């Protein structure tokens, strides 16, 4: 059975941010678009997080999968 969650590449995250910029800055609408048109399993909360992190996403190379400093910190 395949994993239910697949990480999105940085290029996909950049595509989402670009779509939001071109279509009126509505992250929730972007989530609906990518769910329906692309078949992505993605939440509106995740798209909103990417929108808040848009400057860092734009600066990050496409080869990276995650933003530097994102995620849980080690104790």
C-alpha atoms as a PDB file:
ATOM      1  CA  UNK A   1       0.000   0.000   0.000  1.00  0.00           C
ATOM      2  CA  UNK A   2       1.558   3.346  -1.024  1.00  0.00           C
ATOM      3  CA  UNK A   3       2.089   6.162   1.426  1.00  0.00           C
ATOM      4  CA  UNK A   4      -0.923   8.442   1.738  1.00  0.00           C
ATOM      5  CA  UNK A   5       1.227  11.557   1.901  1.00  0.00           C
ATOM      6  CA  UNK A   6       3.656  12.606  -0.793  1.00  0.00           C
ATOM      7  CA  UNK A   7       5.978  15.541  -0.273  1.00  0.00           C
ATOM      8  CA  UNK A   8       5.648  18.322  -2.827  1.00  0.00           C
ATOM      9  CA  UNK A   9       8.786  19.394  -4.622  1.00  0.00           C
ATOM     10  CA  UNK A  10      10.021  22.964  -4.431  1.00  0.00           C
ATOM     11  CA  UNK A  11       9.032  23.463  -8.073  1.00  0.00           C
ATOM     12  CA  UNK A  12       5.453  22.464  -7.212  1.00  0.00           C
ATOM     13  CA  UNK A  13       5.456  24.863  -4.265  1.00  0.00           C
ATOM     14  CA  UNK A  14       6.730  27.642  -6.540  1.00  0.00           C
ATOM     15  CA  UNK A  15       3.974  26.803  -9.022  1.00  0.00           C
ATOM     16  CA  UNK A  16       1.350  27.204  -6.285  1.00  0.00           C
ATOM     17  CA  UNK A  17       2.803  30.545  -5.139  1.00  0.00           C
ATOM     18  CA  UNK A  18       2.896  31.809  -8.739  1.00  0.00           C
ATOM     19  CA  UNK A  19      -0.714  30.700  -9.295  1.00  0.00           C
ATOM     20  CA  UNK A  20      -1.832  32.594  -6.185  1.00  0.00           C
ATOM     21  CA  UNK A  21      -0.043  35.757  -7.351  1.00  0.00           C
ATOM     22  CA  UNK A  22      -1.648  35.559 -10.796  1.00  0.00           C
ATOM     23  CA  UNK A  23      -5.173  34.773  -9.593  1.00  0.00           C
ATOM     24  CA  UNK A  24      -5.862  37.260  -6.845  1.00  0.00           C
ATOM     25  CA  UNK A  25      -3.939  36.149  -3.769  1.00  0.00           C
ATOM     26  CA  UNK A  26      -6.460  33.649  -2.423  1.00  0.00           C
ATOM     27  CA  UNK A  27      -4.599  30.615  -1.019  1.00  0.00           C
ATOM     28  CA  UNK A  28      -7.790  28.667  -0.279  1.00  0.00           C
ATOM     29  CA  UNK A  29      -8.865  28.977  -3.930  1.00  0.00           C
ATOM     30  CA  UNK A  30      -5.450  27.724  -4.994  1.00  0.00           C
ATOM     31  CA  UNK A  31      -5.863  24.632  -2.826  1.00  0.00           C
ATOM     32  CA  UNK A  32      -9.220  23.893  -4.438  1.00  0.00           C
ATOM     33  CA  UNK A  33      -7.779  24.427  -7.921  1.00  0.00           C
ATOM     34  CA  UNK A  34      -4.842  22.066  -7.404  1.00  0.00           C
ATOM     35  CA  UNK A  35      -7.054  19.459  -5.717  1.00  0.00           C
ATOM     36  CA  UNK A  36      -9.594  19.447  -8.551  1.00  0.00           C
ATOM     37  CA  UNK A  37      -7.464  20.173 -11.617  1.00  0.00           C
ATOM     38  CA  UNK A  38      -4.262  18.343 -10.709  1.00  0.00           C
ATOM     39  CA  UNK A  39      -5.593  15.717  -8.322  1.00  0.00           C
ATOM     40  CA  UNK A  40      -3.193  16.753  -5.562  1.00  0.00           C
ATOM     41  CA  UNK A  41      -3.939  15.732  -1.991  1.00  0.00           C
ATOM     42  CA  UNK A  42      -3.240  19.059  -0.346  1.00  0.00           C
ATOM     43  CA  UNK A  43      -4.929  21.073   2.381  1.00  0.00           C
ATOM     44  CA  UNK A  44      -5.794  24.752   2.311  1.00  0.00           C
ATOM     45  CA  UNK A  45      -3.768  25.152   5.513  1.00  0.00           C
ATOM     46  CA  UNK A  46      -0.645  23.863   3.758  1.00  0.00           C
ATOM     47  CA  UNK A  47      -1.159  26.248   0.840  1.00  0.00           C
ATOM     48  CA  UNK A  48      -1.636  29.134   3.291  1.00  0.00           C
ATOM     49  CA  UNK A  49       1.643  28.165   4.964  1.00  0.00           C
ATOM     50  CA  UNK A  50       3.431  28.186   1.588  1.00  0.00           C
ATOM     51  CA  UNK A  51       1.880  31.581   0.849  1.00  0.00           C
ATOM     52  CA  UNK A  52       3.234  32.992   4.126  1.00  0.00           C
ATOM     53  CA  UNK A  53       6.656  31.518   3.269  1.00  0.00           C
ATOM     54  CA  UNK A  54       6.535  32.705  -0.372  1.00  0.00           C
ATOM     55  CA  UNK A  55       9.696  34.832  -0.199  1.00  0.00           C
ATOM     56  CA  UNK A  56      11.752  31.931   1.146  1.00  0.00           C
ATOM     57  CA  UNK A  57      10.205  29.541  -1.395  1.00  0.00           C
ATOM     58  CA  UNK A  58      11.087  31.858  -4.276  1.00  0.00           C
ATOM     59  CA  UNK A  59      14.720  32.096  -3.110  1.00  0.00           C
ATOM     60  CA  UNK A  60      15.174  28.366  -2.501  1.00  0.00           C
ATOM     61  CA  UNK A  61      16.676  26.279  -5.339  1.00  0.00           C
ATOM     62  CA  UNK A  62      14.321  23.876  -7.089  1.00  0.00           C
ATOM     63  CA  UNK A  63      16.553  20.955  -6.087  1.00  0.00           C
ATOM     64  CA  UNK A  64      15.640  21.415  -2.392  1.00  0.00           C
ATOM     65  CA  UNK A  65      12.583  19.663  -1.022  1.00  0.00           C
ATOM     66  CA  UNK A  66      12.278  21.655   2.208  1.00  0.00           C
ATOM     67  CA  UNK A  67      12.894  25.169   3.409  1.00  0.00           C
ATOM     68  CA  UNK A  68      15.956  25.638   5.582  1.00  0.00           C
ATOM     69  CA  UNK A  69      14.949  25.881   9.231  1.00  0.00           C
ATOM     70  CA  UNK A  70      11.440  24.554   8.634  1.00  0.00           C
ATOM     71  CA  UNK A  71      10.076  21.620  10.586  1.00  0.00           C
ATOM     72  CA  UNK A  72      10.600  20.362  14.089  1.00  0.00           C
ATOM     73  CA  UNK A  73      13.646  21.474  16.005  1.00  0.00           C
ATOM     74  CA  UNK A  74      15.865  19.000  17.788  1.00  0.00           C
ATOM     75  CA  UNK A  75      15.932  19.164  21.551  1.00  0.00           C
END
